[in-house]
PDB file of N, CA and C in Angstrom:
ATOM      1  N   UNK A   1     308.489 154.592 189.126  1.00  0.00           N
ATOM      2  CA  UNK A   1     307.296 154.702 188.307  1.00  0.00           C
ATOM      3  C   UNK A   1     307.074 153.419 187.504  1.00  0.00           C
ATOM      4  N   UNK A   2     308.145 152.878 186.937  1.00  0.00           N
ATOM      5  CA  UNK A   2     308.013 151.645 186.166  1.00  0.00           C
ATOM      6  C   UNK A   2     307.496 150.509 187.051  1.00  0.00           C
ATOM      7  N   UNK A   3     308.027 150.402 188.232  1.00  0.00           N
ATOM      8  CA  UNK A   3     307.588 149.368 189.171  1.00  0.00           C
ATOM      9  C   UNK A   3     306.102 149.520 189.488  1.00  0.00           C
ATOM     10  N   UNK A   4     305.662 150.738 189.709  1.00  0.00           N
ATOM     11  CA  UNK A   4     304.253 150.986 190.018  1.00  0.00           C
ATOM     12  C   UNK A   4     303.349 150.614 188.847  1.00  0.00           C
ATOM     13  N   UNK A   5     303.776 150.941 187.638  1.00  0.00           N
ATOM     14  CA  UNK A   5     302.975 150.603 186.461  1.00  0.00           C
ATOM     15  C   UNK A   5     302.891 149.089 186.296  1.00  0.00           C
ATOM     16  N   UNK A   6     304.023 148.410 186.434  1.00  0.00           N
ATOM     17  CA  UNK A   6     304.046 146.968 186.199  1.00  0.00           C
ATOM     18  C   UNK A   6     303.421 146.168 187.342  1.00  0.00           C
ATOM     19  N   UNK A   7     303.132 146.818 188.465  1.00  0.00           N
ATOM     20  CA  UNK A   7     302.394 146.148 189.547  1.00  0.00           C
ATOM     21  C   UNK A   7     300.970 145.807 189.122  1.00  0.00           C
ATOM     22  N   UNK A   8     300.491 146.444 188.075  1.00  0.00           N
ATOM     23  CA  UNK A   8     299.141 146.203 187.571  1.00  0.00           C
ATOM     24  C   UNK A   8     299.063 144.953 186.699  1.00  0.00           C
ATOM     25  N   UNK A   9     300.169 144.214 186.584  1.00  0.00           N
ATOM     26  CA  UNK A   9     300.193 142.983 185.790  1.00  0.00           C
ATOM     27  C   UNK A   9     299.155 142.005 186.335  1.00  0.00           C
ATOM     28  N   UNK A  10     298.340 141.485 185.456  1.00  0.00           N
ATOM     29  CA  UNK A  10     297.280 140.571 185.855  1.00  0.00           C
ATOM     30  C   UNK A  10     295.968 141.270 186.112  1.00  0.00           C
ATOM     31  N   UNK A  11     295.996 142.583 186.236  1.00  0.00           N
ATOM     32  CA  UNK A  11     294.777 143.362 186.464  1.00  0.00           C
ATOM     33  C   UNK A  11     294.412 144.118 185.188  1.00  0.00           C
ATOM     34  N   UNK A  12     295.397 144.814 184.631  1.00  0.00           N
ATOM     35  CA  UNK A  12     295.215 145.558 183.385  1.00  0.00           C
ATOM     36  C   UNK A  12     295.614 144.641 182.238  1.00  0.00           C
ATOM     37  N   UNK A  13     294.967 144.806 181.095  1.00  0.00           N
ATOM     38  CA  UNK A  13     295.275 143.988 179.925  1.00  0.00           C
ATOM     39  C   UNK A  13     296.765 144.061 179.602  1.00  0.00           C
ATOM     40  N   UNK A  14     297.381 142.908 179.313  1.00  0.00           N
ATOM     41  CA  UNK A  14     298.825 142.828 179.122  1.00  0.00           C
ATOM     42  C   UNK A  14     299.331 143.738 178.005  1.00  0.00           C
ATOM     43  N   UNK A  15     298.629 143.802 176.887  1.00  0.00           N
ATOM     44  CA  UNK A  15     299.060 144.663 175.779  1.00  0.00           C
ATOM     45  C   UNK A  15     299.124 146.128 176.202  1.00  0.00           C
ATOM     46  N   UNK A  16     298.144 146.556 176.958  1.00  0.00           N
ATOM     47  CA  UNK A  16     298.107 147.943 177.445  1.00  0.00           C
ATOM     48  C   UNK A  16     299.253 148.198 178.397  1.00  0.00           C
ATOM     49  N   UNK A  17     299.498 147.256 179.288  1.00  0.00           N
ATOM     50  CA  UNK A  17     300.563 147.396 180.280  1.00  0.00           C
ATOM     51  C   UNK A  17     301.940 147.426 179.623  1.00  0.00           C
ATOM     52  N   UNK A  18     302.168 146.553 178.653  1.00  0.00           N
ATOM     53  CA  UNK A  18     303.448 146.533 177.946  1.00  0.00           C
ATOM     54  C   UNK A  18     303.640 147.815 177.142  1.00  0.00           C
ATOM     55  N   UNK A  19     302.580 148.311 176.540  1.00  0.00           N
ATOM     56  CA  UNK A  19     302.686 149.549 175.778  1.00  0.00           C
ATOM     57  C   UNK A  19     303.031 150.718 176.692  1.00  0.00           C
ATOM     58  N   UNK A  20     302.327 150.843 177.788  1.00  0.00           N
ATOM     59  CA  UNK A  20     302.563 151.963 178.703  1.00  0.00           C
ATOM     60  C   UNK A  20     303.905 151.837 179.419  1.00  0.00           C
ATOM     61  N   UNK A  21     304.185 150.677 179.988  1.00  0.00           N
ATOM     62  CA  UNK A  21     305.395 150.511 180.787  1.00  0.00           C
ATOM     63  C   UNK A  21     306.668 150.398 179.978  1.00  0.00           C
ATOM     64  N   UNK A  22     306.620 149.624 178.902  1.00  0.00           N
ATOM     65  CA  UNK A  22     307.840 149.370 178.140  1.00  0.00           C
ATOM     66  C   UNK A  22     308.007 150.324 176.961  1.00  0.00           C
ATOM     67  N   UNK A  23     307.009 150.377 176.095  1.00  0.00           N
ATOM     68  CA  UNK A  23     307.135 151.206 174.890  1.00  0.00           C
ATOM     69  C   UNK A  23     307.201 152.694 175.221  1.00  0.00           C
ATOM     70  N   UNK A  24     306.363 153.115 176.128  1.00  0.00           N
ATOM     71  CA  UNK A  24     306.306 154.545 176.416  1.00  0.00           C
ATOM     72  C   UNK A  24     307.296 154.968 177.504  1.00  0.00           C
ATOM     73  N   UNK A  25     307.202 154.394 178.689  1.00  0.00           N
ATOM     74  CA  UNK A  25     308.048 154.848 179.797  1.00  0.00           C
ATOM     75  C   UNK A  25     309.504 154.396 179.652  1.00  0.00           C
ATOM     76  N   UNK A  26     309.745 153.113 179.504  1.00  0.00           N
ATOM     77  CA  UNK A  26     311.119 152.619 179.436  1.00  0.00           C
ATOM     78  C   UNK A  26     311.843 153.115 178.193  1.00  0.00           C
ATOM     79  N   UNK A  27     311.265 152.900 177.037  1.00  0.00           N
ATOM     80  CA  UNK A  27     311.969 153.232 175.796  1.00  0.00           C
ATOM     81  C   UNK A  27     312.057 154.730 175.510  1.00  0.00           C
ATOM     82  N   UNK A  28     311.104 155.507 175.963  1.00  0.00           N
ATOM     83  CA  UNK A  28     311.128 156.948 175.679  1.00  0.00           C
ATOM     84  C   UNK A  28     311.882 157.757 176.727  1.00  0.00           C
ATOM     85  N   UNK A  29     311.800 157.363 177.978  1.00  0.00           N
ATOM     86  CA  UNK A  29     312.348 158.211 179.041  1.00  0.00           C
ATOM     87  C   UNK A  29     313.463 157.549 179.846  1.00  0.00           C
ATOM     88  N   UNK A  30     313.206 156.357 180.360  1.00  0.00           N
ATOM     89  CA  UNK A  30     314.198 155.715 181.233  1.00  0.00           C
ATOM     90  C   UNK A  30     315.454 155.297 180.476  1.00  0.00           C
ATOM     91  N   UNK A  31     315.282 154.778 179.278  1.00  0.00           N
ATOM     92  CA  UNK A  31     316.441 154.343 178.504  1.00  0.00           C
ATOM     93  C   UNK A  31     317.335 155.523 178.147  1.00  0.00           C
ATOM     94  N   UNK A  32     316.746 156.660 177.887  1.00  0.00           N
ATOM     95  CA  UNK A  32     317.530 157.866 177.607  1.00  0.00           C
ATOM     96  C   UNK A  32     318.427 158.211 178.785  1.00  0.00           C
ATOM     97  N   UNK A  33     317.897 158.095 179.986  1.00  0.00           N
ATOM     98  CA  UNK A  33     318.692 158.341 181.185  1.00  0.00           C
ATOM     99  C   UNK A  33     319.798 157.301 181.339  1.00  0.00           C
ATOM    100  N   UNK A  34     319.467 156.041 181.083  1.00  0.00           N
ATOM    101  CA  UNK A  34     320.469 154.978 181.195  1.00  0.00           C
ATOM    102  C   UNK A  34     321.598 155.167 180.186  1.00  0.00           C
ATOM    103  N   UNK A  35     321.256 155.583 178.984  1.00  0.00           N
ATOM    104  CA  UNK A  35     322.272 155.792 177.953  1.00  0.00           C
ATOM    105  C   UNK A  35     323.200 156.949 178.295  1.00  0.00           C
ATOM    106  N   UNK A  36     322.715 157.898 179.086  1.00  0.00           N
ATOM    107  CA  UNK A  36     323.515 159.061 179.461  1.00  0.00           C
ATOM    108  C   UNK A  36     324.223 158.894 180.805  1.00  0.00           C
ATOM    109  N   UNK A  37     324.037 157.740 181.439  1.00  0.00           N
ATOM    110  CA  UNK A  37     324.736 157.445 182.681  1.00  0.00           C
ATOM    111  C   UNK A  37     326.073 156.796 182.326  1.00  0.00           C
ATOM    112  N   UNK A  38     327.171 157.293 182.875  1.00  0.00           N
ATOM    113  CA  UNK A  38     328.481 156.690 182.566  1.00  0.00           C
ATOM    114  C   UNK A  38     328.512 155.209 182.953  1.00  0.00           C
ATOM    115  N   UNK A  39     329.227 154.399 182.179  1.00  0.00           N
ATOM    116  CA  UNK A  39     329.355 152.982 182.535  1.00  0.00           C
ATOM    117  C   UNK A  39     329.943 152.834 183.931  1.00  0.00           C
ATOM    118  N   UNK A  40     329.445 151.852 184.643  1.00  0.00           N
ATOM    119  CA  UNK A  40     329.945 151.618 185.989  1.00  0.00           C
ATOM    120  C   UNK A  40     328.881 151.054 186.897  1.00  0.00           C
ATOM    121  N   UNK A  41     329.187 150.961 188.176  1.00  0.00           N
ATOM    122  CA  UNK A  41     328.272 150.340 189.137  1.00  0.00           C
ATOM    123  C   UNK A  41     326.907 151.038 189.215  1.00  0.00           C
ATOM    124  N   UNK A  42     326.874 152.356 189.059  1.00  0.00           N
ATOM    125  CA  UNK A  42     325.605 153.079 189.134  1.00  0.00           C
ATOM    126  C   UNK A  42     324.683 152.674 187.990  1.00  0.00           C
ATOM    127  N   UNK A  43     325.245 152.554 186.806  1.00  0.00           N
ATOM    128  CA  UNK A  43     324.456 152.153 185.638  1.00  0.00           C
ATOM    129  C   UNK A  43     323.965 150.715 185.789  1.00  0.00           C
ATOM    130  N   UNK A  44     324.812 149.845 186.288  1.00  0.00           N
ATOM    131  CA  UNK A  44     324.426 148.448 186.498  1.00  0.00           C
ATOM    132  C   UNK A  44     323.292 148.358 187.508  1.00  0.00           C
ATOM    133  N   UNK A  45     323.370 149.136 188.562  1.00  0.00           N
ATOM    134  CA  UNK A  45     322.330 149.140 189.586  1.00  0.00           C
ATOM    135  C   UNK A  45     320.998 149.611 189.008  1.00  0.00           C
ATOM    136  N   UNK A  46     321.024 150.641 188.178  1.00  0.00           N
ATOM    137  CA  UNK A  46     319.795 151.132 187.551  1.00  0.00           C
ATOM    138  C   UNK A  46     319.200 150.068 186.633  1.00  0.00           C
ATOM    139  N   UNK A  47     320.038 149.403 185.854  1.00  0.00           N
ATOM    140  CA  UNK A  47     319.559 148.349 184.952  1.00  0.00           C
ATOM    141  C   UNK A  47     318.969 147.182 185.747  1.00  0.00           C
ATOM    142  N   UNK A  48     319.591 146.829 186.853  1.00  0.00           N
ATOM    143  CA  UNK A  48     319.062 145.760 187.712  1.00  0.00           C
ATOM    144  C   UNK A  48     317.678 146.103 188.235  1.00  0.00           C
ATOM    145  N   UNK A  49     317.459 147.360 188.578  1.00  0.00           N
ATOM    146  CA  UNK A  49     316.146 147.785 189.069  1.00  0.00           C
ATOM    147  C   UNK A  49     315.087 147.664 187.981  1.00  0.00           C
ATOM    148  N   UNK A  50     315.461 147.984 186.753  1.00  0.00           N
ATOM    149  CA  UNK A  50     314.525 147.837 185.634  1.00  0.00           C
ATOM    150  C   UNK A  50     314.165 146.368 185.458  1.00  0.00           C
ATOM    151  N   UNK A  51     315.169 145.505 185.432  1.00  0.00           N
ATOM    152  CA  UNK A  51     314.943 144.070 185.232  1.00  0.00           C
ATOM    153  C   UNK A  51     314.088 143.495 186.357  1.00  0.00           C
ATOM    154  N   UNK A  52     314.314 143.934 187.581  1.00  0.00           N
ATOM    155  CA  UNK A  52     313.564 143.422 188.730  1.00  0.00           C
ATOM    156  C   UNK A  52     312.075 143.736 188.640  1.00  0.00           C
ATOM    157  N   UNK A  53     311.710 144.774 187.913  1.00  0.00           N
ATOM    158  CA  UNK A  53     310.309 145.173 187.773  1.00  0.00           C
ATOM    159  C   UNK A  53     309.533 144.312 186.782  1.00  0.00           C
ATOM    160  N   UNK A  54     310.240 143.681 185.853  1.00  0.00           N
ATOM    161  CA  UNK A  54     309.582 142.973 184.758  1.00  0.00           C
ATOM    162  C   UNK A  54     308.943 141.677 185.244  1.00  0.00           C
ATOM    163  N   UNK A  55     307.667 141.463 184.910  1.00  0.00           N
ATOM    164  CA  UNK A  55     306.999 140.213 185.310  1.00  0.00           C
ATOM    165  C   UNK A  55     307.643 138.999 184.631  1.00  0.00           C
ATOM    166  N   UNK A  56     307.984 137.993 185.389  1.00  0.00           N
ATOM    167  CA  UNK A  56     308.648 136.799 184.864  1.00  0.00           C
ATOM    168  C   UNK A  56     307.791 136.066 183.835  1.00  0.00           C
ATOM    169  N   UNK A  57     306.485 136.091 184.008  1.00  0.00           N
ATOM    170  CA  UNK A  57     305.618 135.331 183.103  1.00  0.00           C
ATOM    171  C   UNK A  57     305.672 135.849 181.669  1.00  0.00           C
ATOM    172  N   UNK A  58     306.103 137.096 181.474  1.00  0.00           N
ATOM    173  CA  UNK A  58     306.234 137.636 180.123  1.00  0.00           C
ATOM    174  C   UNK A  58     307.321 136.914 179.333  1.00  0.00           C
ATOM    175  N   UNK A  59     308.210 136.240 180.010  1.00  0.00           N
ATOM    176  CA  UNK A  59     309.358 135.602 179.358  1.00  0.00           C
ATOM    177  C   UNK A  59     309.254 134.081 179.292  1.00  0.00           C
ATOM    178  N   UNK A  60     308.200 133.512 179.827  1.00  0.00           N
ATOM    179  CA  UNK A  60     308.085 132.060 179.919  1.00  0.00           C
ATOM    180  C   UNK A  60     308.006 131.371 178.569  1.00  0.00           C
ATOM    181  N   UNK A  61     307.344 131.957 177.595  1.00  0.00           N
ATOM    182  CA  UNK A  61     307.161 131.304 176.303  1.00  0.00           C
ATOM    183  C   UNK A  61     308.188 131.723 175.262  1.00  0.00           C
ATOM    184  N   UNK A  62     309.192 132.487 175.657  1.00  0.00           N
ATOM    185  CA  UNK A  62     310.208 132.940 174.709  1.00  0.00           C
ATOM    186  C   UNK A  62     311.276 131.867 174.525  1.00  0.00           C
ATOM    187  N   UNK A  63     311.817 131.823 173.332  1.00  0.00           N
ATOM    188  CA  UNK A  63     312.922 130.906 173.057  1.00  0.00           C
ATOM    189  C   UNK A  63     314.185 131.453 173.710  1.00  0.00           C
ATOM    190  N   UNK A  64     315.122 130.583 173.983  1.00  0.00           N
ATOM    191  CA  UNK A  64     316.390 130.976 174.581  1.00  0.00           C
ATOM    192  C   UNK A  64     317.099 131.984 173.678  1.00  0.00           C
ATOM    193  N   UNK A  65     317.602 133.040 174.265  1.00  0.00           N
ATOM    194  CA  UNK A  65     318.329 134.060 173.510  1.00  0.00           C
ATOM    195  C   UNK A  65     317.436 135.110 172.885  1.00  0.00           C
ATOM    196  N   UNK A  66     316.133 135.048 173.118  1.00  0.00           N
ATOM    197  CA  UNK A  66     315.236 136.057 172.559  1.00  0.00           C
ATOM    198  C   UNK A  66     314.618 136.875 173.683  1.00  0.00           C
ATOM    199  N   UNK A  67     313.986 137.963 173.304  1.00  0.00           N
ATOM    200  CA  UNK A  67     313.348 138.835 174.290  1.00  0.00           C
ATOM    201  C   UNK A  67     312.091 139.440 173.700  1.00  0.00           C
ATOM    202  N   UNK A  68     311.404 140.232 174.483  1.00  0.00           N
ATOM    203  CA  UNK A  68     310.218 140.937 174.007  1.00  0.00           C
ATOM    204  C   UNK A  68     310.642 142.019 173.018  1.00  0.00           C
ATOM    205  N   UNK A  69     309.859 142.256 171.989  1.00  0.00           N
ATOM    206  CA  UNK A  69     310.223 143.301 171.017  1.00  0.00           C
ATOM    207  C   UNK A  69     310.426 144.671 171.668  1.00  0.00           C
ATOM    208  N   UNK A  70     309.644 144.970 172.700  1.00  0.00           N
ATOM    209  CA  UNK A  70     309.751 146.262 173.379  1.00  0.00           C
ATOM    210  C   UNK A  70     311.051 146.403 174.168  1.00  0.00           C
ATOM    211  N   UNK A  71     311.739 145.308 174.396  1.00  0.00           N
ATOM    212  CA  UNK A  71     312.973 145.342 175.184  1.00  0.00           C
ATOM    213  C   UNK A  71     314.236 145.272 174.332  1.00  0.00           C
ATOM    214  N   UNK A  72     314.108 145.321 173.022  1.00  0.00           N
ATOM    215  CA  UNK A  72     315.273 145.223 172.143  1.00  0.00           C
ATOM    216  C   UNK A  72     316.310 146.303 172.437  1.00  0.00           C
ATOM    217  N   UNK A  73     315.873 147.551 172.560  1.00  0.00           N
ATOM    218  CA  UNK A  73     316.812 148.655 172.816  1.00  0.00           C
ATOM    219  C   UNK A  73     317.476 148.519 174.186  1.00  0.00           C
ATOM    220  N   UNK A  74     316.718 148.105 175.173  1.00  0.00           N
ATOM    221  CA  UNK A  74     317.264 147.910 176.517  1.00  0.00           C
ATOM    222  C   UNK A  74     318.296 146.781 176.491  1.00  0.00           C
ATOM    223  N   UNK A  75     318.004 145.712 175.782  1.00  0.00           N
ATOM    224  CA  UNK A  75     318.947 144.595 175.667  1.00  0.00           C
ATOM    225  C   UNK A  75     320.236 145.025 174.969  1.00  0.00           C
ATOM    226  N   UNK A  76     320.116 145.843 173.944  1.00  0.00           N
ATOM    227  CA  UNK A  76     321.309 146.346 173.267  1.00  0.00           C
ATOM    228  C   UNK A  76     322.163 147.161 174.228  1.00  0.00           C
ATOM    229  N   UNK A  77     321.527 147.954 175.065  1.00  0.00           N
ATOM    230  CA  UNK A  77     322.265 148.735 176.074  1.00  0.00           C
ATOM    231  C   UNK A  77     322.978 147.792 177.037  1.00  0.00           C
ATOM    232  N   UNK A  78     322.320 146.737 177.468  1.00  0.00           N
ATOM    233  CA  UNK A  78     322.945 145.793 178.387  1.00  0.00           C
ATOM    234  C   UNK A  78     324.159 145.111 177.755  1.00  0.00           C
ATOM    235  N   UNK A  79     324.058 144.797 176.487  1.00  0.00           N
ATOM    236  CA  UNK A  79     325.170 144.140 175.793  1.00  0.00           C
ATOM    237  C   UNK A  79     326.379 145.061 175.657  1.00  0.00           C
ATOM    238  N   UNK A  80     326.127 146.340 175.515  1.00  0.00           N
ATOM    239  CA  UNK A  80     327.237 147.299 175.368  1.00  0.00           C
ATOM    240  C   UNK A  80     327.914 147.486 176.691  1.00  0.00           C
TER     241      UNK A  80
END
């Protein structure tokens, strides 16, 4: 579902897409599932699929070591 939503990048306004895909879907539903998945290869694979969906251009103007505000919780999960 996340991949399908983010396929609209460049067609739908970026703010709307980030709100729907990241704030609503990822942070409310998908992250909950990731947090409840035991650490291991399955969890890493799920996280890789999430990262693969994200448009690269969203990160082009970010400073090194920073991320989008909507991805803070996901990044914390990756660090753990």
